[in-house]
Amino acid sequence: MTVVDTTQDLDALTLTIVAELAAPPERVWQVWVDPRQLERWWGPPTWPATFTEHDVAVGGRSAYHMTGPDGERAHGWWRITALDEPRSLEFEDGFADATGRPDDGLPVIRARVDLEPTPAGTRMTVRSRFADRAQMEQVLAMGVVEGMTGAMGQIDDVLLTAV
């Protein structure tokens, strides 16, 4: 398991997940920007992702769905808000309906990924920020901590394959 720390801060409205990865930041960056690599880990192990759009540029959009064990689909989207290759990526992460249209009834999470070099590879910090406490509690109740921990635990296998 690559995840070394998970912190929920209801006062700051943040969820922070930290992973230690045995690859340099330039390689870890690829698991975020290459949609085929992203599909191999984004989503819990029993809910693999399929990215149908992934434009990694400021203002770019991504569209994806995760498919559950019974064939159920959960749709989502990203909008890239900042990039500093290969150090950081910021995006809005939201829920969508089956057509990919944003679901205004569910929260939009503001996410920031930081990749810092370490002697053993990379320390990846993913910080999710919520608009208010109710939204954070709603997403936590949906199992985001367990889901992201399981998803990030799959990154080591992705890093072992050639780019």
N, C-alpha and C. Protein backbone atom coordinates (compact mmCIF):
# COMPACT_ATOMS: atom_id res chain seq x y z
N MET A 1 0.85 -1.19 0.00
CA MET A 1 0.00 0.00 0.00
C MET A 1 0.88 1.23 0.00
N THR A 2 0.61 2.16 -0.88
CA THR A 2 1.41 3.37 -1.01
C THR A 2 0.97 4.48 -0.07
N VAL A 3 -0.25 4.45 0.44
CA VAL A 3 -0.77 5.52 1.28
C VAL A 3 -0.13 5.44 2.66
N VAL A 4 0.44 6.58 3.10
CA VAL A 4 1.11 6.62 4.39
C VAL A 4 0.37 7.49 5.41
N ASP A 5 -0.57 8.34 4.94
CA ASP A 5 -1.28 9.20 5.88
C ASP A 5 -2.59 9.67 5.25
N THR A 6 -3.63 9.73 6.07
CA THR A 6 -4.92 10.28 5.67
C THR A 6 -5.39 11.18 6.80
N THR A 7 -5.70 12.45 6.46
CA THR A 7 -6.12 13.41 7.47
C THR A 7 -7.40 14.10 7.04
N GLN A 8 -8.42 14.01 7.89
CA GLN A 8 -9.67 14.73 7.67
C GLN A 8 -9.68 15.92 8.62
N ASP A 9 -9.83 17.13 8.08
CA ASP A 9 -9.86 18.33 8.91
C ASP A 9 -11.19 19.03 8.64
N LEU A 10 -12.17 18.77 9.50
CA LEU A 10 -13.50 19.36 9.31
C LEU A 10 -13.50 20.87 9.49
N ASP A 11 -12.57 21.40 10.28
CA ASP A 11 -12.50 22.85 10.46
C ASP A 11 -11.94 23.53 9.21
N ALA A 12 -10.90 22.95 8.62
CA ALA A 12 -10.30 23.51 7.40
C ALA A 12 -11.04 23.05 6.14
N LEU A 13 -11.99 22.11 6.28
CA LEU A 13 -12.76 21.55 5.17
C LEU A 13 -11.86 20.87 4.15
N THR A 14 -10.89 20.10 4.65
CA THR A 14 -9.96 19.40 3.77
C THR A 14 -9.83 17.93 4.12
N LEU A 15 -9.55 17.15 3.09
CA LEU A 15 -9.17 15.76 3.22
C LEU A 15 -7.83 15.65 2.53
N THR A 16 -6.82 15.17 3.25
CA THR A 16 -5.47 15.07 2.70
C THR A 16 -5.03 13.62 2.75
N ILE A 17 -4.57 13.12 1.60
CA ILE A 17 -4.06 11.75 1.52
C ILE A 17 -2.63 11.84 0.97
N VAL A 18 -1.71 11.20 1.69
CA VAL A 18 -0.30 11.24 1.31
C VAL A 18 0.16 9.83 0.97
N ALA A 19 0.89 9.72 -0.15
CA ALA A 19 1.44 8.44 -0.57
C ALA A 19 2.93 8.60 -0.84
N GLU A 20 3.67 7.54 -0.57
CA GLU A 20 5.09 7.47 -0.90
C GLU A 20 5.22 6.51 -2.07
N LEU A 21 5.86 6.96 -3.14
CA LEU A 21 5.96 6.17 -4.36
C LEU A 21 7.42 6.01 -4.78
N ALA A 22 7.77 4.82 -5.24
CA ALA A 22 9.15 4.51 -5.61
C ALA A 22 9.41 4.82 -7.08
N ALA A 23 9.19 6.08 -7.45
CA ALA A 23 9.45 6.56 -8.80
C ALA A 23 9.65 8.07 -8.71
N PRO A 24 10.40 8.66 -9.63
CA PRO A 24 10.61 10.11 -9.59
C PRO A 24 9.33 10.86 -9.97
N PRO A 25 9.24 12.14 -9.58
CA PRO A 25 8.03 12.92 -9.90
C PRO A 25 7.66 12.92 -11.38
N GLU A 26 8.64 12.92 -12.26
CA GLU A 26 8.34 12.92 -13.69
C GLU A 26 7.57 11.67 -14.09
N ARG A 27 7.87 10.55 -13.48
CA ARG A 27 7.15 9.30 -13.78
C ARG A 27 5.78 9.30 -13.11
N VAL A 28 5.70 9.77 -11.87
CA VAL A 28 4.41 9.82 -11.16
C VAL A 28 3.45 10.78 -11.88
N TRP A 29 3.99 11.86 -12.43
CA TRP A 29 3.18 12.81 -13.19
C TRP A 29 2.38 12.10 -14.29
N GLN A 30 3.00 11.10 -14.91
CA GLN A 30 2.36 10.39 -16.01
C GLN A 30 1.10 9.64 -15.58
N VAL A 31 1.03 9.18 -14.32
CA VAL A 31 -0.17 8.46 -13.89
C VAL A 31 -1.36 9.41 -13.75
N TRP A 32 -1.10 10.72 -13.75
CA TRP A 32 -2.17 11.71 -13.72
C TRP A 32 -2.54 12.21 -15.11
N VAL A 33 -1.56 12.34 -16.00
CA VAL A 33 -1.83 12.99 -17.28
C VAL A 33 -2.10 12.03 -18.43
N ASP A 34 -1.70 10.79 -18.32
CA ASP A 34 -1.97 9.79 -19.37
C ASP A 34 -3.27 9.08 -19.00
N PRO A 35 -4.34 9.26 -19.80
CA PRO A 35 -5.62 8.69 -19.42
C PRO A 35 -5.61 7.16 -19.30
N ARG A 36 -4.80 6.48 -20.08
CA ARG A 36 -4.75 5.01 -19.99
C ARG A 36 -4.11 4.58 -18.67
N GLN A 37 -3.11 5.31 -18.19
CA GLN A 37 -2.53 5.00 -16.88
C GLN A 37 -3.50 5.40 -15.76
N LEU A 38 -4.14 6.54 -15.91
CA LEU A 38 -5.10 7.03 -14.91
C LEU A 38 -6.24 6.03 -14.72
N GLU A 39 -6.68 5.42 -15.82
CA GLU A 39 -7.76 4.43 -15.75
C GLU A 39 -7.37 3.22 -14.90
N ARG A 40 -6.10 2.93 -14.82
CA ARG A 40 -5.65 1.75 -14.09
C ARG A 40 -5.67 1.94 -12.57
N TRP A 41 -5.87 3.18 -12.12
CA TRP A 41 -5.89 3.36 -10.67
C TRP A 41 -6.99 4.31 -10.18
N TRP A 42 -7.53 5.20 -11.02
CA TRP A 42 -8.55 6.14 -10.54
C TRP A 42 -9.84 5.37 -10.28
N GLY A 43 -10.22 5.32 -9.08
CA GLY A 43 -11.39 4.55 -8.68
C GLY A 43 -10.96 3.36 -7.84
N PRO A 44 -11.80 2.95 -6.90
CA PRO A 44 -11.49 1.79 -6.07
C PRO A 44 -11.27 0.56 -6.94
N PRO A 45 -10.55 -0.44 -6.43
CA PRO A 45 -10.26 -1.63 -7.23
C PRO A 45 -11.49 -2.30 -7.86
N THR A 46 -12.63 -2.26 -7.20
CA THR A 46 -13.83 -2.90 -7.76
C THR A 46 -14.66 -1.95 -8.62
N TRP A 47 -14.19 -0.71 -8.79
CA TRP A 47 -14.88 0.30 -9.59
C TRP A 47 -13.90 0.96 -10.56
N PRO A 48 -13.39 0.24 -11.55
CA PRO A 48 -12.40 0.82 -12.46
C PRO A 48 -12.98 1.98 -13.29
N ALA A 49 -12.09 2.89 -13.64
CA ALA A 49 -12.49 4.09 -14.39
C ALA A 49 -12.25 3.92 -15.89
N THR A 50 -13.05 4.63 -16.65
CA THR A 50 -12.86 4.77 -18.09
C THR A 50 -12.92 6.26 -18.39
N PHE A 51 -11.82 6.82 -18.90
CA PHE A 51 -11.79 8.24 -19.26
C PHE A 51 -12.12 8.37 -20.74
N THR A 52 -13.18 9.12 -21.03
CA THR A 52 -13.60 9.34 -22.41
C THR A 52 -13.08 10.67 -22.93
N GLU A 53 -12.61 11.51 -22.03
CA GLU A 53 -12.01 12.80 -22.37
C GLU A 53 -11.00 13.12 -21.28
N HIS A 54 -9.83 13.66 -21.67
CA HIS A 54 -8.81 14.02 -20.67
C HIS A 54 -7.87 15.05 -21.28
N ASP A 55 -8.24 16.31 -21.16
CA ASP A 55 -7.48 17.42 -21.72
C ASP A 55 -6.71 18.09 -20.58
N VAL A 56 -5.42 17.73 -20.46
CA VAL A 56 -4.60 18.23 -19.35
C VAL A 56 -3.96 19.55 -19.78
N ALA A 57 -4.74 20.61 -19.65
CA ALA A 57 -4.32 21.98 -19.90
C ALA A 57 -5.20 22.85 -19.02
N VAL A 58 -4.69 24.01 -18.63
CA VAL A 58 -5.51 24.89 -17.80
C VAL A 58 -6.80 25.20 -18.57
N GLY A 59 -7.92 24.96 -17.92
CA GLY A 59 -9.23 25.10 -18.55
C GLY A 59 -9.70 23.82 -19.23
N GLY A 60 -8.81 22.82 -19.33
CA GLY A 60 -9.16 21.55 -19.95
C GLY A 60 -10.15 20.76 -19.11
N ARG A 61 -10.83 19.86 -19.77
CA ARG A 61 -11.87 19.07 -19.10
C ARG A 61 -11.59 17.59 -19.26
N SER A 62 -11.98 16.85 -18.25
CA SER A 62 -11.93 15.39 -18.30
C SER A 62 -13.33 14.87 -18.01
N ALA A 63 -13.67 13.77 -18.65
CA ALA A 63 -14.94 13.10 -18.39
C ALA A 63 -14.64 11.62 -18.22
N TYR A 64 -15.28 11.01 -17.23
CA TYR A 64 -15.02 9.61 -16.96
C TYR A 64 -16.24 8.96 -16.32
N HIS A 65 -16.20 7.65 -16.28
CA HIS A 65 -17.17 6.91 -15.48
C HIS A 65 -16.44 5.74 -14.83
N MET A 66 -16.93 5.35 -13.67
CA MET A 66 -16.42 4.17 -12.98
C MET A 66 -17.52 3.12 -13.06
N THR A 67 -17.12 1.88 -13.30
CA THR A 67 -18.09 0.80 -13.44
C THR A 67 -17.97 -0.15 -12.28
N GLY A 68 -19.08 -0.34 -11.57
CA GLY A 68 -19.10 -1.21 -10.40
C GLY A 68 -19.21 -2.67 -10.78
N PRO A 69 -19.07 -3.54 -9.79
CA PRO A 69 -19.08 -4.98 -10.04
C PRO A 69 -20.38 -5.49 -10.68
N ASP A 70 -21.48 -4.77 -10.48
CA ASP A 70 -22.76 -5.18 -11.06
C ASP A 70 -23.10 -4.42 -12.34
N GLY A 71 -22.11 -3.68 -12.87
CA GLY A 71 -22.33 -2.93 -14.09
C GLY A 71 -22.84 -1.51 -13.90
N GLU A 72 -23.12 -1.14 -12.65
CA GLU A 72 -23.58 0.22 -12.36
C GLU A 72 -22.47 1.21 -12.70
N ARG A 73 -22.85 2.37 -13.22
CA ARG A 73 -21.86 3.39 -13.58
C ARG A 73 -22.04 4.64 -12.74
N ALA A 74 -20.92 5.19 -12.30
CA ALA A 74 -20.89 6.48 -11.61
C ALA A 74 -20.05 7.41 -12.49
N HIS A 75 -20.65 8.52 -12.91
CA HIS A 75 -19.98 9.44 -13.84
C HIS A 75 -19.38 10.62 -13.09
N GLY A 76 -18.28 11.13 -13.63
CA GLY A 76 -17.62 12.28 -13.04
C GLY A 76 -16.93 13.14 -14.07
N TRP A 77 -16.45 14.29 -13.64
CA TRP A 77 -15.76 15.23 -14.52
C TRP A 77 -14.69 15.97 -13.72
N TRP A 78 -13.71 16.46 -14.45
CA TRP A 78 -12.69 17.36 -13.88
C TRP A 78 -12.62 18.59 -14.77
N ARG A 79 -12.23 19.70 -14.17
CA ARG A 79 -11.82 20.90 -14.92
C ARG A 79 -10.48 21.31 -14.36
N ILE A 80 -9.46 21.31 -15.20
CA ILE A 80 -8.10 21.64 -14.77
C ILE A 80 -8.01 23.14 -14.52
N THR A 81 -7.52 23.52 -13.33
CA THR A 81 -7.43 24.94 -12.98
C THR A 81 -6.00 25.44 -12.88
N ALA A 82 -5.02 24.55 -12.69
CA ALA A 82 -3.61 24.97 -12.62
C ALA A 82 -2.71 23.76 -12.87
N LEU A 83 -1.57 24.03 -13.49
CA LEU A 83 -0.57 22.99 -13.78
C LEU A 83 0.82 23.54 -13.53
N ASP A 84 1.69 22.74 -12.98
CA ASP A 84 3.11 23.06 -12.86
C ASP A 84 3.85 21.73 -13.02
N GLU A 85 4.00 21.29 -14.27
CA GLU A 85 4.58 19.99 -14.58
C GLU A 85 6.04 19.93 -14.15
N PRO A 86 6.49 18.90 -13.48
CA PRO A 86 5.79 17.74 -12.93
C PRO A 86 5.55 17.88 -11.42
N ARG A 87 5.29 19.09 -10.96
CA ARG A 87 5.19 19.33 -9.51
C ARG A 87 3.78 19.38 -8.95
N SER A 88 2.84 19.95 -9.71
CA SER A 88 1.49 20.07 -9.14
C SER A 88 0.43 20.15 -10.23
N LEU A 89 -0.75 19.78 -9.82
CA LEU A 89 -1.93 19.76 -10.67
C LEU A 89 -3.11 20.14 -9.78
N GLU A 90 -3.94 21.06 -10.27
CA GLU A 90 -5.14 21.43 -9.53
C GLU A 90 -6.34 21.27 -10.45
N PHE A 91 -7.43 20.78 -9.87
CA PHE A 91 -8.64 20.59 -10.68
C PHE A 91 -9.88 20.59 -9.81
N GLU A 92 -11.00 20.91 -10.44
CA GLU A 92 -12.31 20.73 -9.81
C GLU A 92 -12.76 19.34 -10.18
N ASP A 93 -13.33 18.63 -9.23
CA ASP A 93 -13.75 17.24 -9.41
C ASP A 93 -15.22 17.17 -9.03
N GLY A 94 -16.06 16.81 -10.01
CA GLY A 94 -17.48 16.78 -9.73
C GLY A 94 -18.15 15.51 -10.21
N PHE A 95 -19.38 15.36 -9.82
CA PHE A 95 -20.21 14.23 -10.21
C PHE A 95 -21.00 14.62 -11.45
N ALA A 96 -21.38 13.64 -12.25
CA ALA A 96 -22.12 13.91 -13.48
C ALA A 96 -23.23 12.89 -13.67
N ASP A 97 -24.15 13.22 -14.58
CA ASP A 97 -25.18 12.25 -14.94
C ASP A 97 -24.64 11.36 -16.06
N ALA A 98 -25.45 10.47 -16.57
CA ALA A 98 -25.01 9.50 -17.57
C ALA A 98 -24.57 10.15 -18.88
N THR A 99 -25.00 11.39 -19.13
CA THR A 99 -24.58 12.09 -20.35
C THR A 99 -23.29 12.88 -20.14
N GLY A 100 -22.79 12.89 -18.91
CA GLY A 100 -21.58 13.65 -18.60
C GLY A 100 -21.86 15.06 -18.12
N ARG A 101 -23.12 15.43 -18.06
CA ARG A 101 -23.49 16.76 -17.59
C ARG A 101 -23.31 16.84 -16.07
N PRO A 102 -22.65 17.91 -15.56
CA PRO A 102 -22.45 18.03 -14.11
C PRO A 102 -23.75 17.91 -13.33
N ASP A 103 -23.68 17.18 -12.22
CA ASP A 103 -24.82 17.01 -11.32
C ASP A 103 -24.75 18.10 -10.27
N ASP A 104 -25.59 19.12 -10.41
CA ASP A 104 -25.57 20.26 -9.51
C ASP A 104 -26.04 19.93 -8.09
N GLY A 105 -26.62 18.74 -7.91
CA GLY A 105 -27.09 18.34 -6.60
C GLY A 105 -26.00 17.73 -5.73
N LEU A 106 -24.81 17.52 -6.30
CA LEU A 106 -23.70 16.93 -5.55
C LEU A 106 -22.53 17.90 -5.52
N PRO A 107 -21.67 17.79 -4.50
CA PRO A 107 -20.57 18.74 -4.33
C PRO A 107 -19.53 18.71 -5.45
N VAL A 108 -18.90 19.86 -5.64
CA VAL A 108 -17.71 19.97 -6.48
C VAL A 108 -16.54 20.10 -5.52
N ILE A 109 -15.57 19.21 -5.68
CA ILE A 109 -14.40 19.18 -4.81
C ILE A 109 -13.25 19.87 -5.54
N ARG A 110 -12.53 20.72 -4.83
CA ARG A 110 -11.34 21.35 -5.39
C ARG A 110 -10.13 20.54 -4.93
N ALA A 111 -9.43 19.95 -5.89
CA ALA A 111 -8.32 19.05 -5.57
C ALA A 111 -6.99 19.66 -6.00
N ARG A 112 -5.96 19.38 -5.20
CA ARG A 112 -4.59 19.77 -5.54
C ARG A 112 -3.69 18.57 -5.30
N VAL A 113 -2.88 18.26 -6.29
CA VAL A 113 -1.91 17.17 -6.22
C VAL A 113 -0.53 17.80 -6.20
N ASP A 114 0.28 17.47 -5.20
CA ASP A 114 1.66 17.93 -5.13
C ASP A 114 2.58 16.73 -5.18
N LEU A 115 3.60 16.80 -6.04
CA LEU A 115 4.59 15.75 -6.19
C LEU A 115 5.94 16.31 -5.76
N GLU A 116 6.48 15.75 -4.68
CA GLU A 116 7.76 16.22 -4.15
C GLU A 116 8.79 15.10 -4.22
N PRO A 117 9.98 15.40 -4.76
CA PRO A 117 11.01 14.36 -4.81
C PRO A 117 11.48 13.99 -3.41
N THR A 118 11.75 12.71 -3.22
CA THR A 118 12.32 12.20 -1.97
C THR A 118 13.49 11.30 -2.35
N PRO A 119 14.34 10.94 -1.39
CA PRO A 119 15.45 10.03 -1.73
C PRO A 119 14.97 8.70 -2.31
N ALA A 120 13.76 8.26 -1.94
CA ALA A 120 13.24 6.98 -2.42
C ALA A 120 12.34 7.12 -3.65
N GLY A 121 12.01 8.35 -4.05
CA GLY A 121 11.13 8.54 -5.19
C GLY A 121 10.32 9.81 -5.11
N THR A 122 9.03 9.68 -4.74
CA THR A 122 8.11 10.83 -4.72
C THR A 122 7.16 10.73 -3.54
N ARG A 123 6.94 11.87 -2.92
CA ARG A 123 5.87 12.00 -1.92
C ARG A 123 4.73 12.72 -2.65
N MET A 124 3.60 12.03 -2.79
CA MET A 124 2.43 12.59 -3.46
C MET A 124 1.38 12.96 -2.42
N THR A 125 1.00 14.23 -2.41
CA THR A 125 -0.02 14.71 -1.50
C THR A 125 -1.23 15.15 -2.31
N VAL A 126 -2.37 14.57 -2.01
CA VAL A 126 -3.63 14.93 -2.67
C VAL A 126 -4.51 15.57 -1.62
N ARG A 127 -4.78 16.85 -1.81
CA ARG A 127 -5.61 17.59 -0.85
C ARG A 127 -6.91 17.98 -1.54
N SER A 128 -8.02 17.56 -0.94
CA SER A 128 -9.35 17.89 -1.43
C SER A 128 -9.95 18.94 -0.51
N ARG A 129 -10.47 20.00 -1.11
CA ARG A 129 -11.08 21.09 -0.33
C ARG A 129 -12.56 21.17 -0.68
N PHE A 130 -13.37 21.33 0.36
CA PHE A 130 -14.82 21.35 0.20
C PHE A 130 -15.37 22.74 0.48
N ALA A 131 -16.51 23.05 -0.12
CA ALA A 131 -17.12 24.38 0.03
C ALA A 131 -17.66 24.61 1.44
N ASP A 132 -18.17 23.56 2.07
CA ASP A 132 -18.70 23.70 3.42
C ASP A 132 -18.69 22.34 4.11
N ARG A 133 -18.99 22.38 5.39
CA ARG A 133 -18.93 21.16 6.20
C ARG A 133 -19.95 20.11 5.74
N ALA A 134 -21.14 20.56 5.36
CA ALA A 134 -22.17 19.61 4.92
C ALA A 134 -21.71 18.86 3.67
N GLN A 135 -21.08 19.56 2.73
CA GLN A 135 -20.58 18.88 1.54
C GLN A 135 -19.48 17.88 1.88
N MET A 136 -18.58 18.29 2.78
CA MET A 136 -17.50 17.39 3.17
C MET A 136 -18.07 16.14 3.84
N GLU A 137 -18.99 16.32 4.76
CA GLU A 137 -19.59 15.18 5.44
C GLU A 137 -20.35 14.28 4.47
N GLN A 138 -21.00 14.87 3.48
CA GLN A 138 -21.72 14.10 2.46
C GLN A 138 -20.76 13.20 1.69
N VAL A 139 -19.64 13.76 1.24
CA VAL A 139 -18.67 12.99 0.46
C VAL A 139 -17.98 11.95 1.33
N LEU A 140 -17.67 12.30 2.58
CA LEU A 140 -17.07 11.32 3.49
C LEU A 140 -18.02 10.15 3.72
N ALA A 141 -19.31 10.44 3.84
CA ALA A 141 -20.30 9.37 4.05
C ALA A 141 -20.43 8.47 2.82
N MET A 142 -20.06 8.99 1.65
CA MET A 142 -20.10 8.20 0.41
C MET A 142 -18.90 7.24 0.32
N GLY A 143 -17.96 7.35 1.27
CA GLY A 143 -16.82 6.43 1.29
C GLY A 143 -15.60 6.92 0.54
N VAL A 144 -15.44 8.23 0.38
CA VAL A 144 -14.30 8.76 -0.38
C VAL A 144 -12.95 8.39 0.23
N VAL A 145 -12.85 8.30 1.53
CA VAL A 145 -11.55 7.96 2.15
C VAL A 145 -11.15 6.54 1.77
N GLU A 146 -12.07 5.61 1.95
CA GLU A 146 -11.78 4.23 1.61
C GLU A 146 -11.55 4.07 0.10
N GLY A 147 -12.36 4.77 -0.68
CA GLY A 147 -12.24 4.68 -2.13
C GLY A 147 -10.91 5.22 -2.64
N MET A 148 -10.51 6.40 -2.15
CA MET A 148 -9.25 6.99 -2.60
C MET A 148 -8.05 6.22 -2.07
N THR A 149 -8.14 5.71 -0.86
CA THR A 149 -7.04 4.91 -0.31
C THR A 149 -6.85 3.65 -1.15
N GLY A 150 -7.94 2.99 -1.48
CA GLY A 150 -7.87 1.80 -2.33
C GLY A 150 -7.37 2.13 -3.72
N ALA A 151 -7.85 3.24 -4.27
CA ALA A 151 -7.44 3.65 -5.61
C ALA A 151 -5.94 3.96 -5.64
N MET A 152 -5.49 4.77 -4.71
CA MET A 152 -4.07 5.15 -4.69
C MET A 152 -3.18 3.95 -4.39
N GLY A 153 -3.70 2.96 -3.73
CA GLY A 153 -2.94 1.73 -3.47
C GLY A 153 -2.62 0.95 -4.74
N GLN A 154 -3.26 1.31 -5.85
CA GLN A 154 -3.02 0.64 -7.13
C GLN A 154 -1.91 1.29 -7.96
N ILE A 155 -1.44 2.47 -7.53
CA ILE A 155 -0.48 3.23 -8.33
C ILE A 155 0.85 2.50 -8.46
N ASP A 156 1.30 1.80 -7.42
CA ASP A 156 2.59 1.09 -7.51
C ASP A 156 2.62 0.16 -8.72
N ASP A 157 1.55 -0.58 -8.95
CA ASP A 157 1.52 -1.49 -10.11
C ASP A 157 1.58 -0.73 -11.42
N VAL A 158 0.95 0.42 -11.48
CA VAL A 158 0.98 1.22 -12.71
C VAL A 158 2.40 1.71 -12.97
N LEU A 159 3.08 2.12 -11.92
CA LEU A 159 4.44 2.65 -12.06
C LEU A 159 5.43 1.60 -12.53
N LEU A 160 5.13 0.34 -12.29
CA LEU A 160 6.04 -0.74 -12.69
C LEU A 160 6.01 -0.99 -14.19
N THR A 161 4.98 -0.53 -14.87
CA THR A 161 4.89 -0.77 -16.31
C THR A 161 5.56 0.38 -17.07
N ALA A 162 6.05 0.09 -18.24
CA ALA A 162 6.72 1.10 -19.06
C ALA A 162 5.72 2.16 -19.51
N VAL A 163 6.23 3.36 -19.67
CA VAL A 163 5.40 4.47 -20.13
C VAL A 163 5.23 4.40 -21.62
